[in-house]
Amino acid sequence: MNYFVTAIDTDSGKTLVSSVLCEALHADYWKPVQAGLPRDSENVQSLISNSKTKIHPERYLLKTPASPHASAKIDGVKINLSDFQIPQTKNDLIIEGAGGCLVPLNDKDFVIDLAGHFKTEIVLVADLYLGSINHTLLTLEALKSRDLKIKGIIFNGDSNPESERIILEHHKNIKKILHINKETAVNKQLVQRYAIKLKENWNARSSE
């Protein structure tokens, strides 16, 4: 199976989540569009411990840390949805998006349109902050409007049970896969610990 990791905003924890998914599922990793350094693929490589995960090269490796459409314009290239093909692998594949789901790739397409192009299930990362309920519900509406299948949601940050509850109350068919605390140090041991927790919830049914 292929899974597309997207989020409600930038710097939401997608790369940590992708590392946990790769570790738990022994899945491959692919970042189709990387804008600026450090490369998320290098971060994932440094955080996983299993020997089965393969890191696939980016389709677009852009220099400027900005929205992909703007970074591509600076580099003198244009990102086309038709240019992307899923890497060949016998493993599950974790595909990490860039920024939030409605970050533009070009004047027409958004990052989340890659998930539709690849026909993948979605793992949504929702970091918990003031205003995140609104951002999460809006993101879920955007995903639903595109008829994208959502595997589940991963909350990230200081515990906020009421925020989690009200989000899931409005989307009872979506399950919570994991909660990642606000961690001061991210390393292989931390990723292994969350990978164990994720595997316990991965195939559980939603609350519906």
Protein backbone atom coordinates (compact mmCIF):
# COMPACT_ATOMS: atom_id res chain seq x y z
CA MET A 1 0.00 0.00 0.00
CA ASN A 2 0.98 3.61 -0.56
CA TYR A 3 0.23 6.31 2.01
CA PHE A 4 0.41 10.07 1.52
CA VAL A 5 1.39 12.09 4.59
CA THR A 6 -0.08 15.58 4.55
CA ALA A 7 -0.81 18.14 7.23
CA ILE A 8 -2.85 21.12 8.34
CA ASP A 9 0.15 23.47 8.14
CA THR A 10 3.89 23.72 7.59
CA ASP A 11 6.29 22.37 10.25
CA SER A 12 3.54 20.15 11.61
CA GLY A 13 5.73 17.10 12.17
CA LYS A 14 5.21 15.30 8.85
CA THR A 15 8.83 14.12 8.65
CA LEU A 16 8.77 12.66 12.16
CA VAL A 17 5.45 11.00 11.39
CA SER A 18 6.85 9.66 8.10
CA SER A 19 9.82 8.22 9.99
CA VAL A 20 7.51 6.52 12.48
CA LEU A 21 5.41 5.08 9.65
CA CYS A 22 8.50 3.81 7.82
CA GLU A 23 9.79 2.20 11.00
CA ALA A 24 6.46 0.63 11.94
CA LEU A 25 5.63 -0.70 8.47
CA HIS A 26 9.19 -1.22 7.18
CA ALA A 27 8.00 0.96 4.34
CA ASP A 28 9.99 2.90 1.75
CA TYR A 29 10.06 6.70 1.83
CA TRP A 30 9.64 9.25 -0.94
CA LYS A 31 9.47 13.05 -0.86
CA PRO A 32 8.31 14.03 -4.38
CA VAL A 33 9.07 17.74 -3.94
CA GLN A 34 11.76 19.13 -1.63
CA ALA A 35 12.08 22.91 -1.40
CA GLY A 36 15.21 24.01 0.45
CA LEU A 37 17.47 22.33 2.97
CA PRO A 38 17.81 20.23 5.04
CA ARG A 39 16.41 17.42 2.91
CA ASP A 40 13.62 15.56 4.68
CA SER A 41 14.83 12.31 3.12
CA GLU A 42 18.12 12.69 4.98
CA ASN A 43 16.28 13.30 8.24
CA VAL A 44 14.15 10.18 7.75
CA GLN A 45 17.26 8.13 6.93
CA SER A 46 18.87 9.27 10.18
CA LEU A 47 15.82 8.33 12.28
CA ILE A 48 14.96 4.83 11.09
CA SER A 49 16.57 1.65 12.38
CA ASN A 50 15.20 -1.09 10.14
CA SER A 51 17.16 -2.35 7.13
CA LYS A 52 14.18 -2.74 4.77
CA THR A 53 13.29 0.91 4.21
CA LYS A 54 14.65 2.44 1.01
CA ILE A 55 14.80 6.20 0.51
CA HIS A 56 13.81 7.16 -3.04
CA PRO A 57 15.19 10.35 -4.67
CA GLU A 58 13.02 13.44 -5.02
CA ARG A 59 11.39 14.22 -8.36
CA TYR A 60 12.01 17.92 -7.78
CA LEU A 61 14.86 19.09 -5.55
CA LEU A 62 14.46 22.85 -5.32
CA LYS A 63 16.90 25.31 -3.78
CA THR A 64 14.73 27.89 -2.05
CA PRO A 65 12.80 27.10 1.17
CA ALA A 66 9.41 28.37 -0.01
CA SER A 67 6.14 27.18 -1.47
CA PRO A 68 7.00 24.69 -4.25
CA HIS A 69 5.43 26.87 -6.94
CA ALA A 70 7.52 29.87 -5.86
CA SER A 71 10.70 27.87 -5.33
CA ALA A 72 10.32 26.26 -8.75
CA LYS A 73 9.84 29.67 -10.37
CA ILE A 74 13.08 30.91 -8.77
CA ASP A 75 14.89 27.82 -10.09
CA GLY A 76 13.44 28.32 -13.56
CA VAL A 77 11.43 25.09 -13.64
CA LYS A 78 7.73 24.29 -13.74
CA ILE A 79 6.20 21.48 -11.74
CA ASN A 80 3.70 19.38 -13.69
CA LEU A 81 1.47 16.79 -12.08
CA SER A 82 2.03 14.44 -15.00
CA ASP A 83 5.78 14.39 -14.28
CA PHE A 84 5.33 12.31 -11.12
CA GLN A 85 5.47 8.53 -11.11
CA ILE A 86 5.49 6.41 -7.97
CA PRO A 87 8.83 4.63 -7.41
CA GLN A 88 8.76 0.90 -8.01
CA THR A 89 9.01 -1.11 -4.80
CA LYS A 90 7.67 -4.28 -3.22
CA ASN A 91 7.41 -2.51 0.14
CA ASP A 92 4.71 -0.18 1.37
CA LEU A 93 5.55 3.39 0.43
CA ILE A 94 5.28 6.52 2.57
CA ILE A 95 4.98 9.66 0.45
CA GLU A 96 5.54 12.93 2.29
CA GLY A 97 3.93 16.08 0.97
CA ALA A 98 5.35 19.59 1.20
CA GLY A 99 3.79 21.97 3.72
CA GLY A 100 0.04 21.84 4.20
CA CYS A 101 -2.28 20.08 1.80
CA LEU A 102 -3.27 23.22 -0.14
CA VAL A 103 0.27 24.44 -0.76
CA PRO A 104 0.47 25.12 -4.53
CA LEU A 105 2.70 23.14 -6.88
CA ASN A 106 1.90 25.48 -9.76
CA ASP A 107 -0.89 27.86 -10.76
CA LYS A 108 -3.39 24.99 -10.97
CA ASP A 109 -2.40 22.07 -8.76
CA PHE A 110 -1.91 21.71 -5.01
CA VAL A 111 0.26 19.31 -3.03
CA ILE A 112 -2.77 17.24 -2.10
CA ASP A 113 -3.50 16.68 -5.80
CA LEU A 114 -0.47 14.37 -5.79
CA ALA A 115 -2.43 12.00 -3.53
CA GLY A 116 -5.27 11.90 -6.03
CA HIS A 117 -2.79 11.44 -8.88
CA PHE A 118 -1.18 8.50 -7.04
CA LYS A 119 -4.52 7.15 -5.71
CA THR A 120 -3.10 6.79 -2.21
CA GLU A 121 -4.67 6.78 1.23
CA ILE A 122 -4.10 9.84 3.40
CA VAL A 123 -2.44 10.09 6.80
CA LEU A 124 -3.25 13.55 8.16
CA VAL A 125 -0.92 15.18 10.68
CA ALA A 126 -2.66 17.73 12.91
CA ASP A 127 -0.45 19.60 15.33
CA LEU A 128 -2.31 20.91 18.36
CA TYR A 129 -2.19 24.67 18.80
CA LEU A 130 -4.67 27.52 19.29
CA GLY A 131 -6.68 27.57 16.07
CA SER A 132 -5.87 24.03 15.02
CA ILE A 133 -9.47 22.83 15.35
CA ASN A 134 -10.50 25.20 12.56
CA HIS A 135 -7.48 24.33 10.42
CA THR A 136 -7.97 20.59 10.90
CA LEU A 137 -11.68 20.64 10.09
CA LEU A 138 -11.06 22.79 7.01
CA THR A 139 -8.35 20.38 5.87
CA LEU A 140 -10.64 17.39 6.35
CA GLU A 141 -13.32 19.14 4.28
CA ALA A 142 -10.76 19.73 1.52
CA LEU A 143 -9.79 16.06 1.56
CA LYS A 144 -13.42 14.93 1.48
CA SER A 145 -14.23 17.26 -1.42
CA ARG A 146 -11.58 15.45 -3.46
CA ASP A 147 -12.97 12.01 -2.53
CA LEU A 148 -9.66 11.02 -0.95
CA LYS A 149 -9.62 8.05 1.39
CA ILE A 150 -8.25 8.90 4.82
CA LYS A 151 -6.41 6.16 6.68
CA GLY A 152 -6.40 8.18 9.88
CA ILE A 153 -5.21 11.22 11.77
CA ILE A 154 -2.09 11.68 13.88
CA PHE A 155 -2.16 14.44 16.47
CA ASN A 156 1.12 16.12 17.33
CA GLY A 157 1.99 18.38 20.27
CA ASP A 158 0.97 18.99 23.87
CA SER A 159 -2.02 16.90 24.87
CA ASN A 160 -5.39 18.56 24.22
CA PRO A 161 -8.10 15.90 24.60
CA GLU A 162 -10.95 18.34 23.98
CA SER A 163 -9.50 19.47 20.65
CA GLU A 164 -9.03 15.86 19.60
CA ARG A 165 -12.53 14.92 20.75
CA ILE A 166 -14.37 17.67 18.87
CA ILE A 167 -12.43 17.03 15.66
CA LEU A 168 -13.22 13.32 15.76
CA GLU A 169 -16.83 14.06 16.77
CA HIS A 170 -17.34 15.88 13.47
CA HIS A 171 -15.64 13.09 11.48
CA LYS A 172 -16.67 9.87 13.20
CA ASN A 173 -15.52 7.72 10.29
CA ILE A 174 -11.91 8.88 10.78
CA LYS A 175 -9.78 7.21 13.42
CA LYS A 176 -6.99 8.56 15.56
CA ILE A 177 -3.87 6.52 14.80
CA LEU A 178 -1.44 8.12 17.21
CA HIS A 179 -0.64 11.09 19.41
CA ILE A 180 2.95 12.33 19.38
CA ASN A 181 3.91 14.49 22.34
CA LYS A 182 5.91 17.69 22.08
CA GLU A 183 9.36 16.11 22.24
CA THR A 184 12.58 17.91 23.12
CA ALA A 185 14.86 15.33 21.48
CA VAL A 186 14.06 13.35 18.35
CA ASN A 187 16.19 10.26 17.72
CA LYS A 188 15.99 6.64 16.61
CA GLN A 189 14.88 5.43 20.03
CA LEU A 190 11.97 7.87 20.04
CA VAL A 191 10.89 6.80 16.56
CA GLN A 192 11.04 3.13 17.58
CA ARG A 193 8.89 3.84 20.63
CA TYR A 194 6.20 5.58 18.61
CA ALA A 195 6.39 2.92 15.89
CA ILE A 196 5.35 0.30 18.44
CA LYS A 197 2.37 2.43 19.50
CA LEU A 198 1.38 3.08 15.90
CA LYS A 199 1.36 -0.62 15.02
CA GLU A 200 -1.10 -1.24 17.86
CA ASN A 201 -3.59 1.22 16.32
CA TRP A 202 -2.87 0.85 12.62
CA ASN A 203 -5.54 -1.71 11.75
CA ALA A 204 -8.02 -0.82 14.49
CA ARG A 205 -11.48 0.24 13.40
CA SER A 206 -12.66 3.82 13.63
CA SER A 207 -15.08 4.91 16.33
CA GLU A 208 -18.05 4.87 13.94
